[in-house]
């Protein structure tokens, strides 16, 4: 019998390559004044071109303002696209964003 096919080699998308220069989201001034901070986890659909196609809140910071700020920033980011067997493919990826008051 023929050998079973090799499992697909999957490389997940990435946003942490230094050359992508993805800026951190700005901290909303009113959130700073109100002491709002937290971690937002976004679920991002990254296209084969490395551009975000869809950004959803996977886990809220507890503050809509921070969640929206993170979503708006990540929509402008660039990613290294995910690949299946070396071929770029649209994939979902989780992106954590921390809002911490200094």
PDB file of N, CA and C in Angstrom:
ATOM      1  N   UNK A   1       0.841  -1.211   0.000  1.00  0.00           N
ATOM      2  CA  UNK A   1       0.000   0.000   0.000  1.00  0.00           C
ATOM      3  C   UNK A   1       0.874   1.258   0.000  1.00  0.00           C
ATOM      4  N   UNK A   2       0.401   2.340  -0.593  1.00  0.00           N
ATOM      5  CA  UNK A   2       1.206   3.572  -0.607  1.00  0.00           C
ATOM      6  C   UNK A   2       1.333   4.155   0.800  1.00  0.00           C
ATOM      7  N   UNK A   3       2.426   4.847   1.004  1.00  0.00           N
ATOM      8  CA  UNK A   3       2.662   5.479   2.310  1.00  0.00           C
ATOM      9  C   UNK A   3       1.627   6.585   2.514  1.00  0.00           C
ATOM     10  N   UNK A   4       1.207   6.806   3.770  1.00  0.00           N
ATOM     11  CA  UNK A   4       0.255   7.898   4.018  1.00  0.00           C
ATOM     12  C   UNK A   4       0.912   9.237   3.688  1.00  0.00           C
ATOM     13  N   UNK A   5       0.127  10.207   3.252  1.00  0.00           N
ATOM     14  CA  UNK A   5       0.719  11.510   2.918  1.00  0.00           C
ATOM     15  C   UNK A   5       1.332  12.156   4.159  1.00  0.00           C
ATOM     16  N   UNK A   6       2.402  12.881   3.939  1.00  0.00           N
ATOM     17  CA  UNK A   6       3.053  13.583   5.053  1.00  0.00           C
ATOM     18  C   UNK A   6       2.103  14.669   5.550  1.00  0.00           C
ATOM     19  N   UNK A   7       2.107  14.929   6.860  1.00  0.00           N
ATOM     20  CA  UNK A   7       1.240  16.001   7.361  1.00  0.00           C
ATOM     21  C   UNK A   7       1.677  17.344   6.770  1.00  0.00           C
ATOM     22  N   UNK A   8       0.715  18.228   6.565  1.00  0.00           N
ATOM     23  CA  UNK A   8       1.025  19.549   6.018  1.00  0.00           C
ATOM     24  C   UNK A   8       1.943  20.285   6.989  1.00  0.00           C
ATOM     25  N   UNK A   9       2.947  20.936   6.443  1.00  0.00           N
ATOM     26  CA  UNK A   9       3.846  21.748   7.265  1.00  0.00           C
ATOM     27  C   UNK A   9       3.237  23.148   7.335  1.00  0.00           C
ATOM     28  N   UNK A  10       2.838  23.539   8.531  1.00  0.00           N
ATOM     29  CA  UNK A  10       2.147  24.821   8.692  1.00  0.00           C
ATOM     30  C   UNK A  10       3.034  25.795   9.456  1.00  0.00           C
ATOM     31  N   UNK A  11       3.201  26.993   8.888  1.00  0.00           N
ATOM     32  CA  UNK A  11       3.908  28.081   9.566  1.00  0.00           C
ATOM     33  C   UNK A  11       2.854  29.132   9.888  1.00  0.00           C
ATOM     34  N   UNK A  12       2.724  29.454  11.163  1.00  0.00           N
ATOM     35  CA  UNK A  12       1.717  30.435  11.577  1.00  0.00           C
ATOM     36  C   UNK A  12       2.149  31.845  11.197  1.00  0.00           C
ATOM     37  N   UNK A  13       1.183  32.740  11.011  1.00  0.00           N
ATOM     38  CA  UNK A  13       1.517  34.133  10.719  1.00  0.00           C
ATOM     39  C   UNK A  13       2.263  34.755  11.896  1.00  0.00           C
ATOM     40  N   UNK A  14       2.982  35.845  11.614  1.00  0.00           N
ATOM     41  CA  UNK A  14       3.756  36.504  12.663  1.00  0.00           C
ATOM     42  C   UNK A  14       3.705  38.012  12.477  1.00  0.00           C
ATOM     43  N   UNK A  15       3.716  38.741  13.591  1.00  0.00           N
ATOM     44  CA  UNK A  15       3.785  40.207  13.540  1.00  0.00           C
ATOM     45  C   UNK A  15       5.040  40.713  14.232  1.00  0.00           C
ATOM     46  N   UNK A  16       5.885  39.792  14.711  1.00  0.00           N
ATOM     47  CA  UNK A  16       7.005  40.257  15.534  1.00  0.00           C
ATOM     48  C   UNK A  16       8.328  40.382  14.790  1.00  0.00           C
ATOM     49  N   UNK A  17       8.324  40.256  13.466  1.00  0.00           N
ATOM     50  CA  UNK A  17       9.562  40.496  12.722  1.00  0.00           C
ATOM     51  C   UNK A  17       9.887  41.990  12.827  1.00  0.00           C
ATOM     52  N   UNK A  18      11.117  42.307  13.198  1.00  0.00           N
ATOM     53  CA  UNK A  18      11.501  43.694  13.474  1.00  0.00           C
ATOM     54  C   UNK A  18      11.256  44.613  12.273  1.00  0.00           C
ATOM     55  N   UNK A  19      11.451  44.106  11.065  1.00  0.00           N
ATOM     56  CA  UNK A  19      11.341  44.971   9.891  1.00  0.00           C
ATOM     57  C   UNK A  19       9.901  45.384   9.575  1.00  0.00           C
ATOM     58  N   UNK A  20       8.930  44.792  10.247  1.00  0.00           N
ATOM     59  CA  UNK A  20       7.536  45.152   9.973  1.00  0.00           C
ATOM     60  C   UNK A  20       7.162  46.498  10.594  1.00  0.00           C
ATOM     61  N   UNK A  21       7.913  46.941  11.605  1.00  0.00           N
ATOM     62  CA  UNK A  21       7.695  48.255  12.231  1.00  0.00           C
ATOM     63  C   UNK A  21       6.243  48.515  12.614  1.00  0.00           C
ATOM     64  N   UNK A  22       5.592  47.549  13.229  1.00  0.00           N
ATOM     65  CA  UNK A  22       4.208  47.744  13.644  1.00  0.00           C
ATOM     66  C   UNK A  22       4.166  48.624  14.889  1.00  0.00           C
ATOM     67  N   UNK A  23       3.525  49.803  14.800  1.00  0.00           N
ATOM     68  CA  UNK A  23       3.488  50.701  15.959  1.00  0.00           C
ATOM     69  C   UNK A  23       2.525  50.193  17.028  1.00  0.00           C
ATOM     70  N   UNK A  24       2.893  50.438  18.279  1.00  0.00           N
ATOM     71  CA  UNK A  24       1.989  50.095  19.381  1.00  0.00           C
ATOM     72  C   UNK A  24       0.751  50.973  19.280  1.00  0.00           C
ATOM     73  N   UNK A  25      -0.393  50.455  19.723  1.00  0.00           N
ATOM     74  CA  UNK A  25      -1.591  51.305  19.732  1.00  0.00           C
ATOM     75  C   UNK A  25      -1.384  52.486  20.675  1.00  0.00           C
ATOM     76  N   UNK A  26      -1.957  53.634  20.323  1.00  0.00           N
ATOM     77  CA  UNK A  26      -1.919  54.773  21.226  1.00  0.00           C
ATOM     78  C   UNK A  26      -2.778  54.488  22.450  1.00  0.00           C
ATOM     79  N   UNK A  27      -2.479  55.164  23.543  1.00  0.00           N
ATOM     80  CA  UNK A  27      -3.262  54.990  24.774  1.00  0.00           C
ATOM     81  C   UNK A  27      -4.305  56.097  24.794  1.00  0.00           C
ATOM     82  N   UNK A  28      -5.585  55.780  24.757  1.00  0.00           N
ATOM     83  CA  UNK A  28      -6.597  56.846  24.774  1.00  0.00           C
ATOM     84  C   UNK A  28      -6.426  57.736  26.012  1.00  0.00           C
ATOM     85  N   UNK A  29      -6.427  59.052  25.797  1.00  0.00           N
ATOM     86  CA  UNK A  29      -6.190  59.998  26.897  1.00  0.00           C
ATOM     87  C   UNK A  29      -7.198  59.806  28.029  1.00  0.00           C
ATOM     88  N   UNK A  30      -8.460  59.615  27.678  1.00  0.00           N
ATOM     89  CA  UNK A  30      -9.483  59.451  28.724  1.00  0.00           C
ATOM     90  C   UNK A  30      -9.247  58.158  29.508  1.00  0.00           C
ATOM     91  N   UNK A  31      -8.763  57.122  28.834  1.00  0.00           N
ATOM     92  CA  UNK A  31      -8.454  55.860  29.529  1.00  0.00           C
ATOM     93  C   UNK A  31      -7.315  56.066  30.521  1.00  0.00           C
ATOM     94  N   UNK A  32      -6.317  56.869  30.120  1.00  0.00           N
ATOM     95  CA  UNK A  32      -5.208  57.175  31.040  1.00  0.00           C
ATOM     96  C   UNK A  32      -5.742  57.888  32.275  1.00  0.00           C
ATOM     97  N   UNK A  33      -6.562  58.930  32.041  1.00  0.00           N
ATOM     98  CA  UNK A  33      -7.099  59.711  33.163  1.00  0.00           C
ATOM     99  C   UNK A  33      -7.939  58.851  34.095  1.00  0.00           C
ATOM    100  N   UNK A  34      -8.649  57.886  33.530  1.00  0.00           N
ATOM    101  CA  UNK A  34      -9.540  57.045  34.331  1.00  0.00           C
ATOM    102  C   UNK A  34      -8.831  55.813  34.891  1.00  0.00           C
ATOM    103  N   UNK A  35      -7.528  55.679  34.589  1.00  0.00           N
ATOM    104  CA  UNK A  35      -6.762  54.557  35.131  1.00  0.00           C
ATOM    105  C   UNK A  35      -7.101  53.216  34.500  1.00  0.00           C
ATOM    106  N   UNK A  36      -7.646  53.238  33.285  1.00  0.00           N
ATOM    107  CA  UNK A  36      -8.002  51.984  32.612  1.00  0.00           C
ATOM    108  C   UNK A  36      -6.750  51.314  32.056  1.00  0.00           C
ATOM    109  N   UNK A  37      -6.591  50.047  32.387  1.00  0.00           N
ATOM    110  CA  UNK A  37      -5.503  49.275  31.796  1.00  0.00           C
ATOM    111  C   UNK A  37      -5.936  47.822  31.701  1.00  0.00           C
ATOM    112  N   UNK A  38      -5.238  47.067  30.879  1.00  0.00           N
ATOM    113  CA  UNK A  38      -5.593  45.661  30.718  1.00  0.00           C
ATOM    114  C   UNK A  38      -4.985  45.074  29.462  1.00  0.00           C
ATOM    115  N   UNK A  39      -5.286  43.806  29.257  1.00  0.00           N
ATOM    116  CA  UNK A  39      -4.753  43.076  28.102  1.00  0.00           C
ATOM    117  C   UNK A  39      -5.911  42.690  27.192  1.00  0.00           C
ATOM    118  N   UNK A  40      -5.788  43.049  25.925  1.00  0.00           N
ATOM    119  CA  UNK A  40      -6.761  42.679  24.896  1.00  0.00           C
ATOM    120  C   UNK A  40      -6.124  41.565  24.072  1.00  0.00           C
ATOM    121  N   UNK A  41      -6.865  40.509  23.799  1.00  0.00           N
ATOM    122  CA  UNK A  41      -6.372  39.494  22.867  1.00  0.00           C
ATOM    123  C   UNK A  41      -7.264  39.574  21.634  1.00  0.00           C
ATOM    124  N   UNK A  42      -6.628  39.891  20.503  1.00  0.00           N
ATOM    125  CA  UNK A  42      -7.357  40.013  19.249  1.00  0.00           C
ATOM    126  C   UNK A  42      -7.175  38.760  18.409  1.00  0.00           C
ATOM    127  N   UNK A  43      -8.215  38.402  17.681  1.00  0.00           N
ATOM    128  CA  UNK A  43      -8.166  37.296  16.726  1.00  0.00           C
ATOM    129  C   UNK A  43      -8.138  37.956  15.352  1.00  0.00           C
ATOM    130  N   UNK A  44      -7.037  37.736  14.622  1.00  0.00           N
ATOM    131  CA  UNK A  44      -6.800  38.454  13.377  1.00  0.00           C
ATOM    132  C   UNK A  44      -6.719  37.467  12.215  1.00  0.00           C
ATOM    133  N   UNK A  45      -7.519  37.718  11.170  1.00  0.00           N
ATOM    134  CA  UNK A  45      -7.414  36.934   9.941  1.00  0.00           C
ATOM    135  C   UNK A  45      -6.399  37.639   9.055  1.00  0.00           C
ATOM    136  N   UNK A  46      -5.269  36.968   8.816  1.00  0.00           N
ATOM    137  CA  UNK A  46      -4.173  37.550   8.054  1.00  0.00           C
ATOM    138  C   UNK A  46      -4.184  36.944   6.659  1.00  0.00           C
ATOM    139  N   UNK A  47      -4.266  37.822   5.659  1.00  0.00           N
ATOM    140  CA  UNK A  47      -4.317  37.377   4.269  1.00  0.00           C
ATOM    141  C   UNK A  47      -2.967  36.906   3.760  1.00  0.00           C
ATOM    142  N   UNK A  48      -2.976  36.375   2.554  1.00  0.00           N
ATOM    143  CA  UNK A  48      -1.740  35.863   1.947  1.00  0.00           C
ATOM    144  C   UNK A  48      -0.746  36.987   1.680  1.00  0.00           C
ATOM    145  N   UNK A  49      -1.231  38.239   1.638  1.00  0.00           N
ATOM    146  CA  UNK A  49      -0.352  39.393   1.424  1.00  0.00           C
ATOM    147  C   UNK A  49       0.184  39.956   2.740  1.00  0.00           C
ATOM    148  N   UNK A  50      -0.189  39.342   3.874  1.00  0.00           N
ATOM    149  CA  UNK A  50       0.282  39.810   5.171  1.00  0.00           C
ATOM    150  C   UNK A  50      -0.559  40.930   5.763  1.00  0.00           C
ATOM    151  N   UNK A  51      -1.646  41.300   5.084  1.00  0.00           N
ATOM    152  CA  UNK A  51      -2.515  42.361   5.596  1.00  0.00           C
ATOM    153  C   UNK A  51      -3.673  41.760   6.384  1.00  0.00           C
ATOM    154  N   UNK A  52      -4.060  42.414   7.486  1.00  0.00           N
ATOM    155  CA  UNK A  52      -5.202  41.914   8.257  1.00  0.00           C
ATOM    156  C   UNK A  52      -6.483  42.078   7.439  1.00  0.00           C
ATOM    157  N   UNK A  53      -7.280  41.019   7.372  1.00  0.00           N
ATOM    158  CA  UNK A  53      -8.552  41.076   6.653  1.00  0.00           C
ATOM    159  C   UNK A  53      -9.704  41.289   7.623  1.00  0.00           C
ATOM    160  N   UNK A  54      -9.542  40.809   8.849  1.00  0.00           N
ATOM    161  CA  UNK A  54     -10.597  40.921   9.851  1.00  0.00           C
ATOM    162  C   UNK A  54      -9.938  40.903  11.227  1.00  0.00           C
ATOM    163  N   UNK A  55     -10.419  41.745  12.134  1.00  0.00           N
ATOM    164  CA  UNK A  55      -9.895  41.786  13.503  1.00  0.00           C
ATOM    165  C   UNK A  55     -11.073  41.715  14.464  1.00  0.00           C
ATOM    166  N   UNK A  56     -11.058  40.713  15.341  1.00  0.00           N
ATOM    167  CA  UNK A  56     -12.122  40.521  16.329  1.00  0.00           C
ATOM    168  C   UNK A  56     -11.503  40.497  17.722  1.00  0.00           C
ATOM    169  N   UNK A  57     -12.288  40.899  18.721  1.00  0.00           N
ATOM    170  CA  UNK A  57     -11.830  40.785  20.107  1.00  0.00           C
ATOM    171  C   UNK A  57     -12.061  39.343  20.552  1.00  0.00           C
ATOM    172  N   UNK A  58     -10.967  38.648  20.880  1.00  0.00           N
ATOM    173  CA  UNK A  58     -11.049  37.277  21.382  1.00  0.00           C
ATOM    174  C   UNK A  58     -11.258  37.306  22.893  1.00  0.00           C
ATOM    175  N   UNK A  59     -10.537  38.237  23.576  1.00  0.00           N
ATOM    176  CA  UNK A  59     -10.664  38.411  25.025  1.00  0.00           C
ATOM    177  C   UNK A  59     -10.537  39.900  25.312  1.00  0.00           C
ATOM    178  N   UNK A  60     -11.562  40.470  25.891  1.00  0.00           N
ATOM    179  CA  UNK A  60     -11.605  41.905  26.149  1.00  0.00           C
ATOM    180  C   UNK A  60     -10.696  42.296  27.312  1.00  0.00           C
ATOM    181  N   UNK A  61     -10.241  43.553  27.259  1.00  0.00           N
ATOM    182  CA  UNK A  61      -9.482  44.132  28.372  1.00  0.00           C
ATOM    183  C   UNK A  61     -10.437  44.486  29.511  1.00  0.00           C
ATOM    184  N   UNK A  62     -11.728  44.501  29.203  1.00  0.00           N
ATOM    185  CA  UNK A  62     -12.724  44.970  30.157  1.00  0.00           C
ATOM    186  C   UNK A  62     -13.124  46.414  29.886  1.00  0.00           C
ATOM    187  N   UNK A  63     -12.460  47.040  28.907  1.00  0.00           N
ATOM    188  CA  UNK A  63     -12.739  48.432  28.548  1.00  0.00           C
ATOM    189  C   UNK A  63     -12.911  48.531  27.036  1.00  0.00           C
ATOM    190  N   UNK A  64     -14.123  48.893  26.593  1.00  0.00           N
ATOM    191  CA  UNK A  64     -14.397  49.004  25.152  1.00  0.00           C
ATOM    192  C   UNK A  64     -13.419  49.937  24.452  1.00  0.00           C
ATOM    193  N   UNK A  65     -13.079  51.049  25.120  1.00  0.00           N
ATOM    194  CA  UNK A  65     -12.195  52.041  24.517  1.00  0.00           C
ATOM    195  C   UNK A  65     -10.830  51.430  24.185  1.00  0.00           C
ATOM    196  N   UNK A  66     -10.273  50.654  25.117  1.00  0.00           N
ATOM    197  CA  UNK A  66      -8.973  50.011  24.875  1.00  0.00           C
ATOM    198  C   UNK A  66      -9.096  48.939  23.792  1.00  0.00           C
ATOM    199  N   UNK A  67     -10.186  48.182  23.838  1.00  0.00           N
ATOM    200  CA  UNK A  67     -10.396  47.135  22.828  1.00  0.00           C
ATOM    201  C   UNK A  67     -10.451  47.745  21.424  1.00  0.00           C
ATOM    202  N   UNK A  68     -11.213  48.840  21.287  1.00  0.00           N
ATOM    203  CA  UNK A  68     -11.347  49.495  19.969  1.00  0.00           C
ATOM    204  C   UNK A  68     -10.012  50.065  19.501  1.00  0.00           C
ATOM    205  N   UNK A  69      -9.265  50.675  20.429  1.00  0.00           N
ATOM    206  CA  UNK A  69      -7.966  51.258  20.071  1.00  0.00           C
ATOM    207  C   UNK A  69      -7.029  50.168  19.549  1.00  0.00           C
ATOM    208  N   UNK A  70      -7.029  49.014  20.209  1.00  0.00           N
ATOM    209  CA  UNK A  70      -6.185  47.892  19.778  1.00  0.00           C
ATOM    210  C   UNK A  70      -6.614  47.408  18.395  1.00  0.00           C
ATOM    211  N   UNK A  71      -7.924  47.263  18.170  1.00  0.00           N
ATOM    212  CA  UNK A  71      -8.426  46.800  16.871  1.00  0.00           C
ATOM    213  C   UNK A  71      -8.018  47.756  15.754  1.00  0.00           C
ATOM    214  N   UNK A  72      -8.191  49.062  15.991  1.00  0.00           N
ATOM    215  CA  UNK A  72      -7.852  50.051  14.963  1.00  0.00           C
ATOM    216  C   UNK A  72      -6.367  50.006  14.626  1.00  0.00           C
ATOM    217  N   UNK A  73      -5.518  49.868  15.635  1.00  0.00           N
ATOM    218  CA  UNK A  73      -4.074  49.828  15.394  1.00  0.00           C
ATOM    219  C   UNK A  73      -3.683  48.580  14.613  1.00  0.00           C
ATOM    220  N   UNK A  74      -4.193  47.424  15.023  1.00  0.00           N
ATOM    221  CA  UNK A  74      -3.796  46.157  14.394  1.00  0.00           C
ATOM    222  C   UNK A  74      -4.289  46.079  12.948  1.00  0.00           C
ATOM    223  N   UNK A  75      -5.397  46.747  12.628  1.00  0.00           N
ATOM    224  CA  UNK A  75      -5.864  46.770  11.230  1.00  0.00           C
ATOM    225  C   UNK A  75      -4.843  47.446  10.314  1.00  0.00           C
ATOM    226  N   UNK A  76      -3.954  48.272  10.884  1.00  0.00           N
ATOM    227  CA  UNK A  76      -2.929  48.958  10.081  1.00  0.00           C
ATOM    228  C   UNK A  76      -1.594  48.211  10.083  1.00  0.00           C
ATOM    229  N   UNK A  77      -1.514  47.130  10.843  1.00  0.00           N
ATOM    230  CA  UNK A  77      -0.263  46.383  10.931  1.00  0.00           C
ATOM    231  C   UNK A  77      -0.002  45.571   9.673  1.00  0.00           C
ATOM    232  N   UNK A  78       1.235  45.110   9.558  1.00  0.00           N
ATOM    233  CA  UNK A  78       1.649  44.181   8.506  1.00  0.00           C
ATOM    234  C   UNK A  78       2.145  42.923   9.196  1.00  0.00           C
ATOM    235  N   UNK A  79       1.874  41.789   8.600  1.00  0.00           N
ATOM    236  CA  UNK A  79       2.262  40.499   9.165  1.00  0.00           C
ATOM    237  C   UNK A  79       3.047  39.692   8.141  1.00  0.00           C
ATOM    238  N   UNK A  80       3.823  38.731   8.629  1.00  0.00           N
ATOM    239  CA  UNK A  80       4.387  37.703   7.762  1.00  0.00           C
ATOM    240  C   UNK A  80       3.259  36.683   7.633  1.00  0.00           C
ATOM    241  N   UNK A  81       2.761  36.427   6.408  1.00  0.00           N
ATOM    242  CA  UNK A  81       1.609  35.530   6.285  1.00  0.00           C
ATOM    243  C   UNK A  81       1.932  34.103   6.697  1.00  0.00           C
ATOM    244  N   UNK A  82       0.900  33.395   7.125  1.00  0.00           N
ATOM    245  CA  UNK A  82       1.054  31.980   7.424  1.00  0.00           C
ATOM    246  C   UNK A  82       1.256  31.201   6.133  1.00  0.00           C
ATOM    247  N   UNK A  83       1.842  30.024   6.252  1.00  0.00           N
ATOM    248  CA  UNK A  83       2.089  29.189   5.068  1.00  0.00           C
ATOM    249  C   UNK A  83       1.729  27.748   5.358  1.00  0.00           C
ATOM    250  N   UNK A  84       1.233  27.074   4.344  1.00  0.00           N
ATOM    251  CA  UNK A  84       0.998  25.635   4.397  1.00  0.00           C
ATOM    252  C   UNK A  84       1.862  25.025   3.300  1.00  0.00           C
ATOM    253  N   UNK A  85       2.800  24.161   3.710  1.00  0.00           N
ATOM    254  CA  UNK A  85       3.753  23.552   2.772  1.00  0.00           C
ATOM    255  C   UNK A  85       4.459  24.613   1.929  1.00  0.00           C
ATOM    256  N   UNK A  86       4.817  25.729   2.576  1.00  0.00           N
ATOM    257  CA  UNK A  86       5.579  26.780   1.906  1.00  0.00           C
ATOM    258  C   UNK A  86       4.751  27.746   1.073  1.00  0.00           C
ATOM    259  N   UNK A  87       3.434  27.532   0.992  1.00  0.00           N
ATOM    260  CA  UNK A  87       2.568  28.395   0.179  1.00  0.00           C
ATOM    261  C   UNK A  87       1.770  29.317   1.106  1.00  0.00           C
ATOM    262  N   UNK A  88       1.847  30.652   0.900  1.00  0.00           N
ATOM    263  CA  UNK A  88       1.087  31.563   1.753  1.00  0.00           C
ATOM    264  C   UNK A  88      -0.402  31.216   1.747  1.00  0.00           C
ATOM    265  N   UNK A  89      -1.012  31.318   2.934  1.00  0.00           N
ATOM    266  CA  UNK A  89      -2.427  30.981   3.091  1.00  0.00           C
ATOM    267  C   UNK A  89      -3.020  31.914   4.142  1.00  0.00           C
ATOM    268  N   UNK A  90      -4.253  32.363   3.925  1.00  0.00           N
ATOM    269  CA  UNK A  90      -4.930  33.189   4.930  1.00  0.00           C
ATOM    270  C   UNK A  90      -5.138  32.341   6.186  1.00  0.00           C
ATOM    271  N   UNK A  91      -4.780  32.892   7.345  1.00  0.00           N
ATOM    272  CA  UNK A  91      -4.906  32.161   8.610  1.00  0.00           C
ATOM    273  C   UNK A  91      -5.280  33.120   9.729  1.00  0.00           C
ATOM    274  N   UNK A  92      -5.963  32.570  10.732  1.00  0.00           N
ATOM    275  CA  UNK A  92      -6.265  33.317  11.952  1.00  0.00           C
ATOM    276  C   UNK A  92      -5.070  33.233  12.889  1.00  0.00           C
ATOM    277  N   UNK A  93      -4.824  34.317  13.616  1.00  0.00           N
ATOM    278  CA  UNK A  93      -3.736  34.363  14.579  1.00  0.00           C
ATOM    279  C   UNK A  93      -4.196  35.198  15.775  1.00  0.00           C
ATOM    280  N   UNK A  94      -3.759  34.830  16.976  1.00  0.00           N
ATOM    281  CA  UNK A  94      -4.081  35.612  18.173  1.00  0.00           C
ATOM    282  C   UNK A  94      -2.980  36.630  18.418  1.00  0.00           C
ATOM    283  N   UNK A  95      -3.379  37.867  18.690  1.00  0.00           N
ATOM    284  CA  UNK A  95      -2.433  38.962  18.915  1.00  0.00           C
ATOM    285  C   UNK A  95      -2.776  39.622  20.248  1.00  0.00           C
ATOM    286  N   UNK A  96      -1.896  39.473  21.264  1.00  0.00           N
ATOM    287  CA  UNK A  96      -2.143  40.140  22.548  1.00  0.00           C
ATOM    288  C   UNK A  96      -1.636  41.586  22.520  1.00  0.00           C
ATOM    289  N   UNK A  97      -2.404  42.486  23.095  1.00  0.00           N
ATOM    290  CA  UNK A  97      -2.026  43.901  23.212  1.00  0.00           C
ATOM    291  C   UNK A  97      -2.189  44.289  24.678  1.00  0.00           C
ATOM    292  N   UNK A  98      -1.107  44.788  25.274  1.00  0.00           N
ATOM    293  CA  UNK A  98      -1.149  45.204  26.678  1.00  0.00           C
ATOM    294  C   UNK A  98      -1.239  46.720  26.785  1.00  0.00           C
ATOM    295  N   UNK A  99      -2.173  47.182  27.569  1.00  0.00           N
ATOM    296  CA  UNK A  99      -2.273  48.597  27.908  1.00  0.00           C
ATOM    297  C   UNK A  99      -1.900  48.707  29.382  1.00  0.00           C
ATOM    298  N   UNK A 100      -0.711  49.262  29.654  1.00  0.00           N
ATOM    299  CA  UNK A 100      -0.217  49.371  31.027  1.00  0.00           C
ATOM    300  C   UNK A 100       0.165  50.825  31.285  1.00  0.00           C
ATOM    301  N   UNK A 101      -0.393  51.394  32.334  1.00  0.00           N
ATOM    302  CA  UNK A 101      -0.045  52.771  32.700  1.00  0.00           C
ATOM    303  C   UNK A 101       1.348  52.789  33.311  1.00  0.00           C
ATOM    304  N   UNK A 102       2.149  53.746  32.876  1.00  0.00           N
ATOM    305  CA  UNK A 102       3.529  53.864  33.386  1.00  0.00           C
ATOM    306  C   UNK A 102       3.518  54.562  34.732  1.00  0.00           C
TER     307      UNK A 102
END
